[in-house]
């Protein structure tokens, strides 16, 4: 009796996917600086384009007891937030080596939505985001930006700790 040999399909090793465009979600926090280091490392190793994006949301105003006179208008608060984010983006851009092609983007709106929309529209291969301390209130309101990117972004997401 001859035994029949059945060959099983062999999984061939495939080359890692090439990364051409990297998007870094940056807010100036310590986690964002750690994510910047990883994004630079990926961009250098893959010879990829790097975009550093910061998001300015609607200003939040704390309301206390009793009448209060606000010395700022909504537009002034937004302008100050934009100026602050531009400075953070410039500081991050200055840390990128000259061998990496880098751009910065200032976005407006809800951070997770704005970043996911940019990632999808800009055909990014990888989104890099760092952690931020998530307190009780933020967890109750929907979690972190990194978690939202992991669930809503079509591009791969690298969550840096």
C-alpha atoms as a PDB file:
ATOM      1  CA  UNK A   1       0.000   0.000   0.000  1.00  0.00           C
ATOM      2  CA  UNK A   2       1.417   3.342  -1.013  1.00  0.00           C
ATOM      3  CA  UNK A   3       0.933   6.319   1.228  1.00  0.00           C
ATOM      4  CA  UNK A   4      -0.225   9.423  -0.518  1.00  0.00           C
ATOM      5  CA  UNK A   5       1.699  12.556   0.360  1.00  0.00           C
ATOM      6  CA  UNK A   6      -0.430  15.628   0.588  1.00  0.00           C
ATOM      7  CA  UNK A   7       1.462  18.822   0.372  1.00  0.00           C
ATOM      8  CA  UNK A   8       0.169  21.607   2.531  1.00  0.00           C
ATOM      9  CA  UNK A   9       0.373  25.158   1.317  1.00  0.00           C
ATOM     10  CA  UNK A  10       3.455  26.906   2.579  1.00  0.00           C
ATOM     11  CA  UNK A  11       3.101  30.432   3.820  1.00  0.00           C
ATOM     12  CA  UNK A  12       5.679  32.485   2.070  1.00  0.00           C
ATOM     13  CA  UNK A  13       7.348  35.277   3.925  1.00  0.00           C
ATOM     14  CA  UNK A  14       6.361  38.567   2.429  1.00  0.00           C
ATOM     15  CA  UNK A  15       8.361  41.730   2.545  1.00  0.00           C
ATOM     16  CA  UNK A  16       7.199  44.319   5.049  1.00  0.00           C
ATOM     17  CA  UNK A  17       4.946  46.950   3.561  1.00  0.00           C
ATOM     18  CA  UNK A  18       6.786  50.081   2.512  1.00  0.00           C
ATOM     19  CA  UNK A  19       5.775  53.238   4.389  1.00  0.00           C
ATOM     20  CA  UNK A  20       5.783  56.360   2.229  1.00  0.00           C
ATOM     21  CA  UNK A  21       3.854  58.873   4.350  1.00  0.00           C
ATOM     22  CA  UNK A  22       3.804  59.188   8.149  1.00  0.00           C
ATOM     23  CA  UNK A  23       1.365  61.378  10.081  1.00  0.00           C
ATOM     24  CA  UNK A  24       2.230  62.351  13.656  1.00  0.00           C
ATOM     25  CA  UNK A  25      -0.550  63.486  15.998  1.00  0.00           C
ATOM     26  CA  UNK A  26       1.171  66.156  18.089  1.00  0.00           C
ATOM     27  CA  UNK A  27      -0.117  68.214  21.018  1.00  0.00           C
ATOM     28  CA  UNK A  28       3.113  69.107  22.813  1.00  0.00           C
ATOM     29  CA  UNK A  29       2.587  66.638  25.677  1.00  0.00           C
ATOM     30  CA  UNK A  30       5.396  64.347  26.895  1.00  0.00           C
ATOM     31  CA  UNK A  31       3.686  61.452  25.081  1.00  0.00           C
ATOM     32  CA  UNK A  32       3.665  63.446  21.839  1.00  0.00           C
ATOM     33  CA  UNK A  33       7.415  64.068  22.138  1.00  0.00           C
ATOM     34  CA  UNK A  34       7.980  60.322  22.596  1.00  0.00           C
ATOM     35  CA  UNK A  35       5.800  59.685  19.532  1.00  0.00           C
ATOM     36  CA  UNK A  36       7.863  62.241  17.590  1.00  0.00           C
ATOM     37  CA  UNK A  37      11.016  60.206  18.251  1.00  0.00           C
ATOM     38  CA  UNK A  38       9.331  57.066  16.883  1.00  0.00           C
ATOM     39  CA  UNK A  39       7.884  58.898  13.881  1.00  0.00           C
ATOM     40  CA  UNK A  40      11.339  60.266  13.033  1.00  0.00           C
ATOM     41  CA  UNK A  41      12.853  56.783  13.342  1.00  0.00           C
ATOM     42  CA  UNK A  42      10.234  55.345  10.961  1.00  0.00           C
ATOM     43  CA  UNK A  43      10.603  58.224   8.499  1.00  0.00           C
ATOM     44  CA  UNK A  44      14.404  57.865   8.465  1.00  0.00           C
ATOM     45  CA  UNK A  45      14.372  54.072   8.062  1.00  0.00           C
ATOM     46  CA  UNK A  46      11.692  54.110   5.335  1.00  0.00           C
ATOM     47  CA  UNK A  47      12.774  57.345   3.642  1.00  0.00           C
ATOM     48  CA  UNK A  48       9.188  58.514   4.210  1.00  0.00           C
ATOM     49  CA  UNK A  49       7.571  61.929   4.257  1.00  0.00           C
ATOM     50  CA  UNK A  50       6.617  63.126   7.743  1.00  0.00           C
ATOM     51  CA  UNK A  51       3.678  65.380   8.567  1.00  0.00           C
ATOM     52  CA  UNK A  52       3.320  66.749  12.092  1.00  0.00           C
ATOM     53  CA  UNK A  53      -0.283  67.734  12.782  1.00  0.00           C
ATOM     54  CA  UNK A  54      -1.737  69.587  15.736  1.00  0.00           C
ATOM     55  CA  UNK A  55      -5.418  70.177  16.361  1.00  0.00           C
ATOM     56  CA  UNK A  56      -7.025  73.230  17.908  1.00  0.00           C
ATOM     57  CA  UNK A  57     -10.486  72.544  19.278  1.00  0.00           C
ATOM     58  CA  UNK A  58     -13.150  74.853  20.562  1.00  0.00           C
ATOM     59  CA  UNK A  59     -11.977  76.700  23.668  1.00  0.00           C
ATOM     60  CA  UNK A  60     -13.525  75.476  26.874  1.00  0.00           C
ATOM     61  CA  UNK A  61     -14.622  78.009  29.418  1.00  0.00           C
ATOM     62  CA  UNK A  62     -15.158  77.057  33.024  1.00  0.00           C
ATOM     63  CA  UNK A  63     -18.232  78.628  34.523  1.00  0.00           C
ATOM     64  CA  UNK A  64     -18.187  79.416  38.220  1.00  0.00           C
ATOM     65  CA  UNK A  65     -20.798  80.711  40.584  1.00  0.00           C
ATOM     66  CA  UNK A  66     -22.047  84.222  40.036  1.00  0.00           C
ATOM     67  CA  UNK A  67     -21.617  86.629  37.160  1.00  0.00           C
ATOM     68  CA  UNK A  68     -18.191  86.878  35.584  1.00  0.00           C
ATOM     69  CA  UNK A  69     -16.801  89.299  33.054  1.00  0.00           C
ATOM     70  CA  UNK A  70     -14.714  87.593  30.378  1.00  0.00           C
ATOM     71  CA  UNK A  71     -11.766  89.712  29.191  1.00  0.00           C
ATOM     72  CA  UNK A  72     -11.481  87.575  26.040  1.00  0.00           C
ATOM     73  CA  UNK A  73     -13.785  86.861  23.152  1.00  0.00           C
ATOM     74  CA  UNK A  74     -14.169  83.420  21.611  1.00  0.00           C
ATOM     75  CA  UNK A  75     -12.130  84.537  18.578  1.00  0.00           C
ATOM     76  CA  UNK A  76      -9.312  85.820  20.810  1.00  0.00           C
ATOM     77  CA  UNK A  77      -9.191  82.507  22.679  1.00  0.00           C
ATOM     78  CA  UNK A  78      -9.064  80.549  19.413  1.00  0.00           C
ATOM     79  CA  UNK A  79      -6.331  82.816  18.055  1.00  0.00           C
ATOM     80  CA  UNK A  80      -4.287  82.274  21.239  1.00  0.00           C
ATOM     81  CA  UNK A  81      -4.768  78.496  21.026  1.00  0.00           C
ATOM     82  CA  UNK A  82      -3.711  78.525  17.369  1.00  0.00           C
ATOM     83  CA  UNK A  83      -0.619  80.596  18.130  1.00  0.00           C
ATOM     84  CA  UNK A  84       0.327  78.214  20.956  1.00  0.00           C
ATOM     85  CA  UNK A  85      -0.114  75.160  18.719  1.00  0.00           C
ATOM     86  CA  UNK A  86       1.908  76.774  15.913  1.00  0.00           C
ATOM     87  CA  UNK A  87       4.772  77.270  18.380  1.00  0.00           C
ATOM     88  CA  UNK A  88       4.544  73.609  19.467  1.00  0.00           C
ATOM     89  CA  UNK A  89       4.531  72.437  15.859  1.00  0.00           C
ATOM     90  CA  UNK A  90       7.547  74.621  15.050  1.00  0.00           C
ATOM     91  CA  UNK A  91       9.458  73.210  18.035  1.00  0.00           C
ATOM     92  CA  UNK A  92       8.666  69.665  16.905  1.00  0.00           C
ATOM     93  CA  UNK A  93       9.644  70.441  13.307  1.00  0.00           C
ATOM     94  CA  UNK A  94      12.984  71.791  14.535  1.00  0.00           C
ATOM     95  CA  UNK A  95      13.787  68.385  16.082  1.00  0.00           C
ATOM     96  CA  UNK A  96      13.444  66.553  12.761  1.00  0.00           C
ATOM     97  CA  UNK A  97      16.763  65.865  10.992  1.00  0.00           C
ATOM     98  CA  UNK A  98      17.408  67.624   7.694  1.00  0.00           C
ATOM     99  CA  UNK A  99      17.388  64.271   5.867  1.00  0.00           C
ATOM    100  CA  UNK A 100      13.630  63.888   6.508  1.00  0.00           C
ATOM    101  CA  UNK A 101      11.081  65.786   4.431  1.00  0.00           C
ATOM    102  CA  UNK A 102       8.698  67.319   6.987  1.00  0.00           C
ATOM    103  CA  UNK A 103       5.608  69.512   6.920  1.00  0.00           C
ATOM    104  CA  UNK A 104       3.339  70.778   9.675  1.00  0.00           C
ATOM    105  CA  UNK A 105      -0.428  71.089   9.625  1.00  0.00           C
ATOM    106  CA  UNK A 106      -2.697  73.034  11.950  1.00  0.00           C
ATOM    107  CA  UNK A 107      -6.146  71.466  12.050  1.00  0.00           C
ATOM    108  CA  UNK A 108      -9.350  72.660  13.673  1.00  0.00           C
ATOM    109  CA  UNK A 109     -12.112  70.661  15.317  1.00  0.00           C
ATOM    110  CA  UNK A 110     -12.275  67.515  17.392  1.00  0.00           C
ATOM    111  CA  UNK A 111      -8.772  65.976  17.468  1.00  0.00           C
ATOM    112  CA  UNK A 112      -9.621  62.342  16.646  1.00  0.00           C
ATOM    113  CA  UNK A 113     -11.996  63.264  13.821  1.00  0.00           C
ATOM    114  CA  UNK A 114      -9.699  65.887  12.314  1.00  0.00           C
ATOM    115  CA  UNK A 115      -6.660  63.589  12.412  1.00  0.00           C
ATOM    116  CA  UNK A 116      -8.548  60.593  11.002  1.00  0.00           C
ATOM    117  CA  UNK A 117      -9.944  62.740   8.185  1.00  0.00           C
ATOM    118  CA  UNK A 118      -6.456  64.043   7.336  1.00  0.00           C
ATOM    119  CA  UNK A 119      -4.998  60.525   7.460  1.00  0.00           C
ATOM    120  CA  UNK A 120      -7.634  59.200   5.079  1.00  0.00           C
ATOM    121  CA  UNK A 121      -7.602  62.194   2.718  1.00  0.00           C
ATOM    122  CA  UNK A 122      -3.806  62.437   2.644  1.00  0.00           C
ATOM    123  CA  UNK A 123      -3.255  58.748   1.897  1.00  0.00           C
ATOM    124  CA  UNK A 124      -0.993  58.238   4.911  1.00  0.00           C
ATOM    125  CA  UNK A 125       0.425  54.753   5.500  1.00  0.00           C
ATOM    126  CA  UNK A 126       1.025  55.208   9.226  1.00  0.00           C
ATOM    127  CA  UNK A 127      -0.348  57.445  11.969  1.00  0.00           C
ATOM    128  CA  UNK A 128       1.810  57.802  15.089  1.00  0.00           C
ATOM    129  CA  UNK A 129       0.251  58.986  18.345  1.00  0.00           C
ATOM    130  CA  UNK A 130       1.412  59.130  21.928  1.00  0.00           C
ATOM    131  CA  UNK A 131      -0.508  58.599  25.133  1.00  0.00           C
ATOM    132  CA  UNK A 132      -2.032  61.236  27.313  1.00  0.00           C
ATOM    133  CA  UNK A 133      -3.269  60.705  30.822  1.00  0.00           C
ATOM    134  CA  UNK A 134      -6.924  59.795  30.629  1.00  0.00           C
ATOM    135  CA  UNK A 135      -8.897  60.775  33.689  1.00  0.00           C
ATOM    136  CA  UNK A 136     -12.351  59.710  34.729  1.00  0.00           C
ATOM    137  CA  UNK A 137     -14.125  62.493  32.833  1.00  0.00           C
ATOM    138  CA  UNK A 138     -12.284  61.852  29.552  1.00  0.00           C
ATOM    139  CA  UNK A 139     -13.010  58.096  29.809  1.00  0.00           C
ATOM    140  CA  UNK A 140     -16.685  58.882  30.381  1.00  0.00           C
ATOM    141  CA  UNK A 141     -16.738  61.199  27.343  1.00  0.00           C
ATOM    142  CA  UNK A 142     -15.257  58.696  24.922  1.00  0.00           C
ATOM    143  CA  UNK A 143     -11.633  57.960  25.692  1.00  0.00           C
ATOM    144  CA  UNK A 144      -8.362  59.126  24.236  1.00  0.00           C
ATOM    145  CA  UNK A 145      -7.473  60.416  20.790  1.00  0.00           C
ATOM    146  CA  UNK A 146      -5.097  57.474  20.291  1.00  0.00           C
ATOM    147  CA  UNK A 147      -7.870  54.977  21.019  1.00  0.00           C
ATOM    148  CA  UNK A 148     -10.226  56.777  18.635  1.00  0.00           C
ATOM    149  CA  UNK A 149      -7.572  56.730  15.904  1.00  0.00           C
ATOM    150  CA  UNK A 150      -7.089  52.992  16.409  1.00  0.00           C
ATOM    151  CA  UNK A 151     -10.775  52.391  15.829  1.00  0.00           C
ATOM    152  CA  UNK A 152     -11.617  55.004  13.164  1.00  0.00           C
ATOM    153  CA  UNK A 153      -8.529  55.382  11.012  1.00  0.00           C
ATOM    154  CA  UNK A 154      -8.031  53.357   7.815  1.00  0.00           C
ATOM    155  CA  UNK A 155      -4.254  53.784   8.042  1.00  0.00           C
ATOM    156  CA  UNK A 156      -2.149  51.731  10.418  1.00  0.00           C
ATOM    157  CA  UNK A 157      -1.740  53.369  13.820  1.00  0.00           C
ATOM    158  CA  UNK A 158       1.363  53.177  15.988  1.00  0.00           C
ATOM    159  CA  UNK A 159       0.479  53.941  19.592  1.00  0.00           C
ATOM    160  CA  UNK A 160       3.636  54.968  21.438  1.00  0.00           C
ATOM    161  CA  UNK A 161       3.839  54.629  25.182  1.00  0.00           C
END
